[in-house]
Amino acid sequence: QLRLGLPAAAAANAAKALALRPGHLEARFRRAVAAAAM
């Protein structure tokens, strides 16, 4: 979704990944990139 230019959807999916695995660093990084885009 980040590659497609959909930062809000990307942030939501990264947050879902972090809810399941709080230590998932790539999901946290992708949520940060999506937040910066927004």
ModelCIF file with pLDDT and N, C-alpha, C, O atoms, coordinates in Angstrom:
data_MODEL
#
_entry.id   MODEL 
#
_entity.id                         1 
_entity.type                       polymer 
_entity.pdbx_number_of_molecules   1 
#
_entity_poly.entity_id                      1 
_entity_poly.type                           'polypeptide(L)' 
_entity_poly.nstd_linkage                   no 
_entity_poly.nstd_monomer                   no 
_entity_poly.pdbx_seq_one_letter_code       QLRLGLPAAAAANAAKALALRPGHLEARFRRAVAAAAM 
_entity_poly.pdbx_seq_one_letter_code_can   QLRLGLPAAAAANAAKALALRPGHLEARFRRAVAAAAM 
_entity_poly.pdbx_strand_id                 A 
#
loop_
_entity_poly_seq.entity_id 
_entity_poly_seq.num 
_entity_poly_seq.mon_id 
_entity_poly_seq.hetero 
1 1  GLN n 
1 2  LEU n 
1 3  ARG n 
1 4  LEU n 
1 5  GLY n 
1 6  LEU n 
1 7  PRO n 
1 8  ALA n 
1 9  ALA n 
1 10 ALA n 
1 11 ALA n 
1 12 ALA n 
1 13 ASN n 
1 14 ALA n 
1 15 ALA n 
1 16 LYS n 
1 17 ALA n 
1 18 LEU n 
1 19 ALA n 
1 20 LEU n 
1 21 ARG n 
1 22 PRO n 
1 23 GLY n 
1 24 HIS n 
1 25 LEU n 
1 26 GLU n 
1 27 ALA n 
1 28 ARG n 
1 29 PHE n 
1 30 ARG n 
1 31 ARG n 
1 32 ALA n 
1 33 VAL n 
1 34 ALA n 
1 35 ALA n 
1 36 ALA n 
1 37 ALA n 
1 38 MET n 
#
_struct_asym.id          A 
_struct_asym.entity_id   1 
#
loop_
_ma_qa_metric.id 
_ma_qa_metric.mode 
_ma_qa_metric.name 
_ma_qa_metric.software_group_id 
_ma_qa_metric.type 
1 global pLDDT . pLDDT 
2 local  pLDDT . pLDDT 
#
_ma_qa_metric_global.metric_id      1 
_ma_qa_metric_global.metric_value   93.47 
_ma_qa_metric_global.model_id       1 
_ma_qa_metric_global.ordinal_id     1 
#
loop_
_ma_qa_metric_local.label_asym_id 
_ma_qa_metric_local.label_comp_id 
_ma_qa_metric_local.label_seq_id 
_ma_qa_metric_local.metric_id 
_ma_qa_metric_local.metric_value 
_ma_qa_metric_local.model_id 
_ma_qa_metric_local.ordinal_id 
A GLN 1  2 89.00 1 1  
A LEU 2  2 91.00 1 2  
A ARG 3  2 87.00 1 3  
A LEU 4  2 88.00 1 4  
A GLY 5  2 92.00 1 5  
A LEU 6  2 92.00 1 6  
A PRO 7  2 95.00 1 7  
A ALA 8  2 95.00 1 8  
A ALA 9  2 93.00 1 9  
A ALA 10 2 94.00 1 10 
A ALA 11 2 96.00 1 11 
A ALA 12 2 95.00 1 12 
A ASN 13 2 93.00 1 13 
A ALA 14 2 95.00 1 14 
A ALA 15 2 95.00 1 15 
A LYS 16 2 92.00 1 16 
A ALA 17 2 91.00 1 17 
A LEU 18 2 94.00 1 18 
A ALA 19 2 92.00 1 19 
A LEU 20 2 89.00 1 20 
A ARG 21 2 91.00 1 21 
A PRO 22 2 92.00 1 22 
A GLY 23 2 92.00 1 23 
A HIS 24 2 93.00 1 24 
A LEU 25 2 94.00 1 25 
A GLU 26 2 94.00 1 26 
A ALA 27 2 95.00 1 27 
A ARG 28 2 96.00 1 28 
A PHE 29 2 96.00 1 29 
A ARG 30 2 95.00 1 30 
A ARG 31 2 96.00 1 31 
A ALA 32 2 96.00 1 32 
A VAL 33 2 96.00 1 33 
A ALA 34 2 96.00 1 34 
A ALA 35 2 96.00 1 35 
A ALA 36 2 96.00 1 36 
A ALA 37 2 95.00 1 37 
A MET 38 2 95.00 1 38 
#
loop_
_atom_site.group_PDB 
_atom_site.id 
_atom_site.type_symbol 
_atom_site.label_atom_id 
_atom_site.label_alt_id 
_atom_site.label_comp_id 
_atom_site.label_asym_id 
_atom_site.label_entity_id 
_atom_site.label_seq_id 
_atom_site.pdbx_PDB_ins_code 
_atom_site.Cartn_x 
_atom_site.Cartn_y 
_atom_site.Cartn_z 
_atom_site.occupancy 
_atom_site.B_iso_or_equiv 
_atom_site.pdbx_formal_charge 
_atom_site.auth_seq_id 
_atom_site.auth_comp_id 
_atom_site.auth_asym_id 
_atom_site.auth_atom_id 
_atom_site.pdbx_PDB_model_num 
ATOM 1   N N  . GLN A 1 1  ? 0.821  -1.206  0.000  1.00 89.00 ? 1  GLN A N  1 
ATOM 2   C CA . GLN A 1 1  ? 0.000  0.000   0.000  1.00 89.00 ? 1  GLN A CA 1 
ATOM 3   C C  . GLN A 1 1  ? 0.858  1.259   0.000  1.00 89.00 ? 1  GLN A C  1 
ATOM 4   O O  . GLN A 1 1  ? 0.459  2.272   -0.575 1.00 89.00 ? 1  GLN A O  1 
ATOM 5   N N  . LEU A 1 2  ? 2.024  1.216   0.631  1.00 91.00 ? 2  LEU A N  1 
ATOM 6   C CA . LEU A 1 2  ? 2.938  2.352   0.549  1.00 91.00 ? 2  LEU A CA 1 
ATOM 7   C C  . LEU A 1 2  ? 3.411  2.553   -0.887 1.00 91.00 ? 2  LEU A C  1 
ATOM 8   O O  . LEU A 1 2  ? 3.478  3.681   -1.373 1.00 91.00 ? 2  LEU A O  1 
ATOM 9   N N  . ARG A 1 3  ? 3.737  1.457   -1.557 1.00 87.00 ? 3  ARG A N  1 
ATOM 10  C CA . ARG A 1 3  ? 4.180  1.553   -2.950 1.00 87.00 ? 3  ARG A CA 1 
ATOM 11  C C  . ARG A 1 3  ? 3.072  2.056   -3.864 1.00 87.00 ? 3  ARG A C  1 
ATOM 12  O O  . ARG A 1 3  ? 3.344  2.681   -4.889 1.00 87.00 ? 3  ARG A O  1 
ATOM 13  N N  . LEU A 1 4  ? 1.824  1.785   -3.495 1.00 88.00 ? 4  LEU A N  1 
ATOM 14  C CA . LEU A 1 4  ? 0.689  2.235   -4.294 1.00 88.00 ? 4  LEU A CA 1 
ATOM 15  C C  . LEU A 1 4  ? 0.251  3.653   -3.942 1.00 88.00 ? 4  LEU A C  1 
ATOM 16  O O  . LEU A 1 4  ? -0.667 4.188   -4.564 1.00 88.00 ? 4  LEU A O  1 
ATOM 17  N N  . GLY A 1 5  ? 0.897  4.268   -2.949 1.00 92.00 ? 5  GLY A N  1 
ATOM 18  C CA . GLY A 1 5  ? 0.540  5.624   -2.554 1.00 92.00 ? 5  GLY A CA 1 
ATOM 19  C C  . GLY A 1 5  ? -0.701 5.697   -1.687 1.00 92.00 ? 5  GLY A C  1 
ATOM 20  O O  . GLY A 1 5  ? -1.459 6.663   -1.774 1.00 92.00 ? 5  GLY A O  1 
ATOM 21  N N  . LEU A 1 6  ? -0.924 4.689   -0.849 1.00 92.00 ? 6  LEU A N  1 
ATOM 22  C CA . LEU A 1 6  ? -2.086 4.638   0.054  1.00 92.00 ? 6  LEU A CA 1 
ATOM 23  C C  . LEU A 1 6  ? -1.597 4.643   1.507  1.00 92.00 ? 6  LEU A C  1 
ATOM 24  O O  . LEU A 1 6  ? -1.661 3.615   2.181  1.00 92.00 ? 6  LEU A O  1 
ATOM 25  N N  . PRO A 1 7  ? -1.105 5.800   2.001  1.00 95.00 ? 7  PRO A N  1 
ATOM 26  C CA . PRO A 1 7  ? -0.490 5.800   3.339  1.00 95.00 ? 7  PRO A CA 1 
ATOM 27  C C  . PRO A 1 7  ? -1.465 5.515   4.470  1.00 95.00 ? 7  PRO A C  1 
ATOM 28  O O  . PRO A 1 7  ? -1.071 4.894   5.457  1.00 95.00 ? 7  PRO A O  1 
ATOM 29  N N  . ALA A 1 8  ? -2.720 5.942   4.372  1.00 95.00 ? 8  ALA A N  1 
ATOM 30  C CA . ALA A 1 8  ? -3.672 5.687   5.463  1.00 95.00 ? 8  ALA A CA 1 
ATOM 31  C C  . ALA A 1 8  ? -3.941 4.190   5.611  1.00 95.00 ? 8  ALA A C  1 
ATOM 32  O O  . ALA A 1 8  ? -3.969 3.666   6.725  1.00 95.00 ? 8  ALA A O  1 
ATOM 33  N N  . ALA A 1 9  ? -4.137 3.509   4.488  1.00 93.00 ? 9  ALA A N  1 
ATOM 34  C CA . ALA A 1 9  ? -4.357 2.055   4.542  1.00 93.00 ? 9  ALA A CA 1 
ATOM 35  C C  . ALA A 1 9  ? -3.099 1.343   5.017  1.00 93.00 ? 9  ALA A C  1 
ATOM 36  O O  . ALA A 1 9  ? -3.179 0.369   5.765  1.00 93.00 ? 9  ALA A O  1 
ATOM 37  N N  . ALA A 1 10 ? -1.932 1.826   4.584  1.00 94.00 ? 10 ALA A N  1 
ATOM 38  C CA . ALA A 1 10 ? -0.668 1.218   5.024  1.00 94.00 ? 10 ALA A CA 1 
ATOM 39  C C  . ALA A 1 10 ? -0.476 1.377   6.524  1.00 94.00 ? 10 ALA A C  1 
ATOM 40  O O  . ALA A 1 10 ? -0.035 0.445   7.197  1.00 94.00 ? 10 ALA A O  1 
ATOM 41  N N  . ALA A 1 11 ? -0.807 2.561   7.058  1.00 96.00 ? 11 ALA A N  1 
ATOM 42  C CA . ALA A 1 11 ? -0.685 2.779   8.500  1.00 96.00 ? 11 ALA A CA 1 
ATOM 43  C C  . ALA A 1 11 ? -1.630 1.857   9.269  1.00 96.00 ? 11 ALA A C  1 
ATOM 44  O O  . ALA A 1 11 ? -1.267 1.334   10.322 1.00 96.00 ? 11 ALA A O  1 
ATOM 45  N N  . ALA A 1 12 ? -2.831 1.660   8.746  1.00 95.00 ? 12 ALA A N  1 
ATOM 46  C CA . ALA A 1 12 ? -3.797 0.779   9.422  1.00 95.00 ? 12 ALA A CA 1 
ATOM 47  C C  . ALA A 1 12 ? -3.305 -0.660  9.440  1.00 95.00 ? 12 ALA A C  1 
ATOM 48  O O  . ALA A 1 12 ? -3.404 -1.332  10.467 1.00 95.00 ? 12 ALA A O  1 
ATOM 49  N N  . ASN A 1 13 ? -2.776 -1.141  8.323  1.00 93.00 ? 13 ASN A N  1 
ATOM 50  C CA . ASN A 1 13 ? -2.285 -2.527  8.295  1.00 93.00 ? 13 ASN A CA 1 
ATOM 51  C C  . ASN A 1 13 ? -1.026 -2.700  9.130  1.00 93.00 ? 13 ASN A C  1 
ATOM 52  O O  . ASN A 1 13 ? -0.852 -3.737  9.769  1.00 93.00 ? 13 ASN A O  1 
ATOM 53  N N  . ALA A 1 14 ? -0.149 -1.708  9.138  1.00 95.00 ? 14 ALA A N  1 
ATOM 54  C CA . ALA A 1 14 ? 1.033  -1.790  9.997  1.00 95.00 ? 14 ALA A CA 1 
ATOM 55  C C  . ALA A 1 14 ? 0.628  -1.811  11.467 1.00 95.00 ? 14 ALA A C  1 
ATOM 56  O O  . ALA A 1 14 ? 1.234  -2.516  12.274 1.00 95.00 ? 14 ALA A O  1 
ATOM 57  N N  . ALA A 1 15 ? -0.406 -1.032  11.814 1.00 95.00 ? 15 ALA A N  1 
ATOM 58  C CA . ALA A 1 15 ? -0.887 -1.035  13.201 1.00 95.00 ? 15 ALA A CA 1 
ATOM 59  C C  . ALA A 1 15 ? -1.478 -2.394  13.572 1.00 95.00 ? 15 ALA A C  1 
ATOM 60  O O  . ALA A 1 15 ? -1.311 -2.851  14.703 1.00 95.00 ? 15 ALA A O  1 
ATOM 61  N N  . LYS A 1 16 ? -2.165 -3.041  12.634 1.00 92.00 ? 16 LYS A N  1 
ATOM 62  C CA . LYS A 1 16 ? -2.705 -4.384  12.897 1.00 92.00 ? 16 LYS A CA 1 
ATOM 63  C C  . LYS A 1 16 ? -1.570 -5.378  13.117 1.00 92.00 ? 16 LYS A C  1 
ATOM 64  O O  . LYS A 1 16 ? -1.656 -6.245  13.987 1.00 92.00 ? 16 LYS A O  1 
ATOM 65  N N  . ALA A 1 17 ? -0.504 -5.249  12.323 1.00 91.00 ? 17 ALA A N  1 
ATOM 66  C CA . ALA A 1 17 ? 0.653  -6.135  12.506 1.00 91.00 ? 17 ALA A CA 1 
ATOM 67  C C  . ALA A 1 17 ? 1.283  -5.908  13.876 1.00 91.00 ? 17 ALA A C  1 
ATOM 68  O O  . ALA A 1 17 ? 1.686  -6.857  14.548 1.00 91.00 ? 17 ALA A O  1 
ATOM 69  N N  . LEU A 1 18 ? 1.364  -4.640  14.283 1.00 94.00 ? 18 LEU A N  1 
ATOM 70  C CA . LEU A 1 18 ? 1.960  -4.331  15.588 1.00 94.00 ? 18 LEU A CA 1 
ATOM 71  C C  . LEU A 1 18 ? 1.065  -4.779  16.742 1.00 94.00 ? 18 LEU A C  1 
ATOM 72  O O  . LEU A 1 18 ? 1.566  -5.102  17.819 1.00 94.00 ? 18 LEU A O  1 
ATOM 73  N N  . ALA A 1 19 ? -0.248 -4.804  16.533 1.00 92.00 ? 19 ALA A N  1 
ATOM 74  C CA . ALA A 1 19 ? -1.134 -5.311  17.573 1.00 92.00 ? 19 ALA A CA 1 
ATOM 75  C C  . ALA A 1 19 ? -0.905 -6.803  17.796 1.00 92.00 ? 19 ALA A C  1 
ATOM 76  O O  . ALA A 1 19 ? -1.025 -7.296  18.918 1.00 92.00 ? 19 ALA A O  1 
ATOM 77  N N  . LEU A 1 20 ? -0.572 -7.518  16.719 1.00 89.00 ? 20 LEU A N  1 
ATOM 78  C CA . LEU A 1 20 ? -0.300 -8.948  16.841 1.00 89.00 ? 20 LEU A CA 1 
ATOM 79  C C  . LEU A 1 20 ? 1.123  -9.217  17.319 1.00 89.00 ? 20 LEU A C  1 
ATOM 80  O O  . LEU A 1 20 ? 1.351  -10.130 18.113 1.00 89.00 ? 20 LEU A O  1 
ATOM 81  N N  . ARG A 1 21 ? 2.079  -8.427  16.839 1.00 91.00 ? 21 ARG A N  1 
ATOM 82  C CA . ARG A 1 21 ? 3.492  -8.574  17.200 1.00 91.00 ? 21 ARG A CA 1 
ATOM 83  C C  . ARG A 1 21 ? 4.074  -7.195  17.502 1.00 91.00 ? 21 ARG A C  1 
ATOM 84  O O  . ARG A 1 21 ? 4.548  -6.528  16.582 1.00 91.00 ? 21 ARG A O  1 
ATOM 85  N N  . PRO A 1 22 ? 4.055  -6.743  18.761 1.00 92.00 ? 22 PRO A N  1 
ATOM 86  C CA . PRO A 1 22 ? 4.547  -5.398  19.073 1.00 92.00 ? 22 PRO A CA 1 
ATOM 87  C C  . PRO A 1 22 ? 6.018  -5.180  18.730 1.00 92.00 ? 22 PRO A C  1 
ATOM 88  O O  . PRO A 1 22 ? 6.432  -4.036  18.543 1.00 92.00 ? 22 PRO A O  1 
ATOM 89  N N  . GLY A 1 23 ? 6.801  -6.217  18.644 1.00 92.00 ? 23 GLY A N  1 
ATOM 90  C CA . GLY A 1 23 ? 8.217  -6.077  18.334 1.00 92.00 ? 23 GLY A CA 1 
ATOM 91  C C  . GLY A 1 23 ? 8.547  -6.169  16.854 1.00 92.00 ? 23 GLY A C  1 
ATOM 92  O O  . GLY A 1 23 ? 9.720  -6.280  16.498 1.00 92.00 ? 23 GLY A O  1 
ATOM 93  N N  . HIS A 1 24 ? 7.552  -6.127  15.986 1.00 93.00 ? 24 HIS A N  1 
ATOM 94  C CA . HIS A 1 24 ? 7.765  -6.254  14.537 1.00 93.00 ? 24 HIS A CA 1 
ATOM 95  C C  . HIS A 1 24 ? 8.345  -4.937  14.011 1.00 93.00 ? 24 HIS A C  1 
ATOM 96  O O  . HIS A 1 24 ? 7.607  -3.972  13.810 1.00 93.00 ? 24 HIS A O  1 
ATOM 97  N N  . LEU A 1 25 ? 9.663  -4.895  13.790 1.00 94.00 ? 25 LEU A N  1 
ATOM 98  C CA . LEU A 1 25 ? 10.333 -3.646  13.424 1.00 94.00 ? 25 LEU A CA 1 
ATOM 99  C C  . LEU A 1 25 ? 9.961  -3.156  12.032 1.00 94.00 ? 25 LEU A C  1 
ATOM 100 O O  . LEU A 1 25 ? 9.818  -1.951  11.823 1.00 94.00 ? 25 LEU A O  1 
ATOM 101 N N  . GLU A 1 26 ? 9.802  -4.063  11.078 1.00 94.00 ? 26 GLU A N  1 
ATOM 102 C CA . GLU A 1 26 ? 9.460  -3.616  9.720  1.00 94.00 ? 26 GLU A CA 1 
ATOM 103 C C  . GLU A 1 26 ? 8.057  -3.015  9.688  1.00 94.00 ? 26 GLU A C  1 
ATOM 104 O O  . GLU A 1 26 ? 7.820  -2.038  8.978  1.00 94.00 ? 26 GLU A O  1 
ATOM 105 N N  . ALA A 1 27 ? 7.139  -3.580  10.438 1.00 95.00 ? 27 ALA A N  1 
ATOM 106 C CA . ALA A 1 27 ? 5.796  -2.995  10.506 1.00 95.00 ? 27 ALA A CA 1 
ATOM 107 C C  . ALA A 1 27 ? 5.856  -1.611  11.141 1.00 95.00 ? 27 ALA A C  1 
ATOM 108 O O  . ALA A 1 27 ? 5.163  -0.695  10.695 1.00 95.00 ? 27 ALA A O  1 
ATOM 109 N N  . ARG A 1 28 ? 6.674  -1.450  12.174 1.00 96.00 ? 28 ARG A N  1 
ATOM 110 C CA . ARG A 1 28 ? 6.815  -0.144  12.818 1.00 96.00 ? 28 ARG A CA 1 
ATOM 111 C C  . ARG A 1 28 ? 7.450  0.858   11.857 1.00 96.00 ? 28 ARG A C  1 
ATOM 112 O O  . ARG A 1 28 ? 7.044  2.019   11.811 1.00 96.00 ? 28 ARG A O  1 
ATOM 113 N N  . PHE A 1 29 ? 8.447  0.411   11.089 1.00 96.00 ? 29 PHE A N  1 
ATOM 114 C CA . PHE A 1 29 ? 9.079  1.301   10.104 1.00 96.00 ? 29 PHE A CA 1 
ATOM 115 C C  . PHE A 1 29 ? 8.066  1.713   9.035  1.00 96.00 ? 29 PHE A C  1 
ATOM 116 O O  . PHE A 1 29 ? 8.010  2.880   8.645  1.00 96.00 ? 29 PHE A O  1 
ATOM 117 N N  . ARG A 1 30 ? 7.275  0.764   8.569  1.00 95.00 ? 30 ARG A N  1 
ATOM 118 C CA . ARG A 1 30 ? 6.283  1.080   7.531  1.00 95.00 ? 30 ARG A CA 1 
ATOM 119 C C  . ARG A 1 30 ? 5.204  2.008   8.074  1.00 95.00 ? 30 ARG A C  1 
ATOM 120 O O  . ARG A 1 30 ? 4.700  2.863   7.345  1.00 95.00 ? 30 ARG A O  1 
ATOM 121 N N  . ARG A 1 31 ? 4.843  1.849   9.342  1.00 96.00 ? 31 ARG A N  1 
ATOM 122 C CA . ARG A 1 31 ? 3.883  2.781   9.934  1.00 96.00 ? 31 ARG A CA 1 
ATOM 123 C C  . ARG A 1 31 ? 4.479  4.173   10.041 1.00 96.00 ? 31 ARG A C  1 
ATOM 124 O O  . ARG A 1 31 ? 3.771  5.166   9.874  1.00 96.00 ? 31 ARG A O  1 
ATOM 125 N N  . ALA A 1 32 ? 5.779  4.257   10.320 1.00 96.00 ? 32 ALA A N  1 
ATOM 126 C CA . ALA A 1 32 ? 6.447  5.559   10.389 1.00 96.00 ? 32 ALA A CA 1 
ATOM 127 C C  . ALA A 1 32 ? 6.474  6.239   9.021  1.00 96.00 ? 32 ALA A C  1 
ATOM 128 O O  . ALA A 1 32 ? 6.227  7.440   8.921  1.00 96.00 ? 32 ALA A O  1 
ATOM 129 N N  . VAL A 1 33 ? 6.772  5.481   7.975  1.00 96.00 ? 33 VAL A N  1 
ATOM 130 C CA . VAL A 1 33 ? 6.793  6.039   6.623  1.00 96.00 ? 33 VAL A CA 1 
ATOM 131 C C  . VAL A 1 33 ? 5.399  6.519   6.231  1.00 96.00 ? 33 VAL A C  1 
ATOM 132 O O  . VAL A 1 33 ? 5.253  7.581   5.627  1.00 96.00 ? 33 VAL A O  1 
ATOM 133 N N  . ALA A 1 34 ? 4.377  5.739   6.573  1.00 96.00 ? 34 ALA A N  1 
ATOM 134 C CA . ALA A 1 34 ? 3.002  6.135   6.272  1.00 96.00 ? 34 ALA A CA 1 
ATOM 135 C C  . ALA A 1 34 ? 2.614  7.385   7.057  1.00 96.00 ? 34 ALA A C  1 
ATOM 136 O O  . ALA A 1 34 ? 1.953  8.271   6.515  1.00 96.00 ? 34 ALA A O  1 
ATOM 137 N N  . ALA A 1 35 ? 3.012  7.469   8.313  1.00 96.00 ? 35 ALA A N  1 
ATOM 138 C CA . ALA A 1 35 ? 2.706  8.652   9.122  1.00 96.00 ? 35 ALA A CA 1 
ATOM 139 C C  . ALA A 1 35 ? 3.389  9.891   8.546  1.00 96.00 ? 35 ALA A C  1 
ATOM 140 O O  . ALA A 1 35 ? 2.790  10.966  8.502  1.00 96.00 ? 35 ALA A O  1 
ATOM 141 N N  . ALA A 1 36 ? 4.637  9.745   8.104  1.00 96.00 ? 36 ALA A N  1 
ATOM 142 C CA . ALA A 1 36 ? 5.343  10.872  7.499  1.00 96.00 ? 36 ALA A CA 1 
ATOM 143 C C  . ALA A 1 36 ? 4.658  11.315  6.212  1.00 96.00 ? 36 ALA A C  1 
ATOM 144 O O  . ALA A 1 36 ? 4.594  12.510  5.925  1.00 96.00 ? 36 ALA A O  1 
ATOM 145 N N  . ALA A 1 37 ? 4.151  10.370  5.441  1.00 95.00 ? 37 ALA A N  1 
ATOM 146 C CA . ALA A 1 37 ? 3.449  10.710  4.203  1.00 95.00 ? 37 ALA A CA 1 
ATOM 147 C C  . ALA A 1 37 ? 2.144  11.448  4.497  1.00 95.00 ? 37 ALA A C  1 
ATOM 148 O O  . ALA A 1 37 ? 1.679  12.244  3.682  1.00 95.00 ? 37 ALA A O  1 
ATOM 149 N N  . MET A 1 38 ? 1.555  11.182  5.662  1.00 95.00 ? 38 MET A N  1 
ATOM 150 C CA . MET A 1 38 ? 0.314  11.862  6.045  1.00 95.00 ? 38 MET A CA 1 
ATOM 151 C C  . MET A 1 38 ? 0.596  13.115  6.875  1.00 95.00 ? 38 MET A C  1 
ATOM 152 O O  . MET A 1 38 ? -0.336 13.808  7.283  1.00 95.00 ? 38 MET A O  1 
#
